[in-house]
Amino acid sequence: MTSSDEPSAASVANQTAARELAQYAGHTLEELSDYLDRDRTPADPSTDGSPECQIALQGMQRLRRTQRTLLREDVRREVERGDGWVTSILAHISLEARSGRDIPIEHPSPSARLVVTEGAVRGILRAAGDSLPNIIVGRCRLDGDVTVPGTPITVRVDASVREGENIPATAGALRRVLYAALRQHTDLNVAAVDITIRDLYAAIPAAEVPSPTEASSDE
């Protein structure tokens, strides 16, 4: 490809914006970030009523909370720290928000058709991970034909663990809460939950962790 054939930066930006508009009910990720900055006021029904937008907003909030908590440790250490896990979480917010495949849910009425979207299940997995301390869930993937009831599937999750924690024990606790969440909210036949620990993140001294009041005022 010659230099004249390469897409311009403006063309790439326009294509990215077009994809985001189609994915997030007519909004871009930048607009959703601005909506969070305004504390979701004034309320926007097109955003609040979109499952894809809500999953993206929840992912952004989790990332902001984590970055804010780690910022003080970065300043204290004054050494370079790998931020690959932050980049990974941000990159997969878009993936999480996609509706994906429809996953059937059993119902006693033969005329009823109930489904939960794959994107919603990824959100359920992330929310379950958020209930545990010392571990941050990144990418979530469902391998297998989730559209056919009873088909065995494998859940694959990437995560980061706080330095100093027992990795097998922490991963085991995460696996248990993920199984419980899937049993509660879906009819999936989960053959396995595979957890890959991709990174370690720095522990925060207790005196430097922001109080709940301080954290909520920054959101």
Foldseek 3Di string as FASTA:
>chain_A
DDPVPDDDPVVVVVVQLVVQCVQQQHDHLVVLVVCVVVVCPPPDCSQVVQQLNVLLNVLVLVLVLVCVQCVVVCVVVVDDDDPVQSVQQNVCSNVLSGQADWAWADDPDPVDTDTGGPSVLQSLLQVLLVVDPFKHKGDWDWAWDRNDQPTEIEIEIEMEGEPPDDVVVSVVVSQVSSVVSCVVPGRHRYPYYHYHYDYYDYDGPPVRGDDPVVSVVSD
